[in-house]
């Protein structure tokens, strides 16, 4: 009998989208979206995503949004009160999820 292993296989994406039409100028807002997808054969548990704000950009306070987590209210920037936070000292956004669910296999 073969041994079958199940493991998550996380893929991350990051997009930066200007929230203005035309050329981007100093002071314009840019939305940074980070996606996590589990293409593995098992769910990933206690997934933490950390991303430092690129040099030259300033964080807009209280602008964090988290999509795809059931029961998640709009997060605050503060540490420890919800699933996401922004650390001013390190210029880092952190989001911690209970799990990343794997995608169901496509129908044949």
Foldseek 3Di string as FASTA:
>chain_A
DDDDDWDWDKDKDWDKAWPDPDDDDPPTDIDIDMDIATQTRFKFFFDKDKDADDPPDDDDAQPDDDPDAPPADRDHQDPPPGQWHADPVRNMIMGIDGIHGHDDDDDD
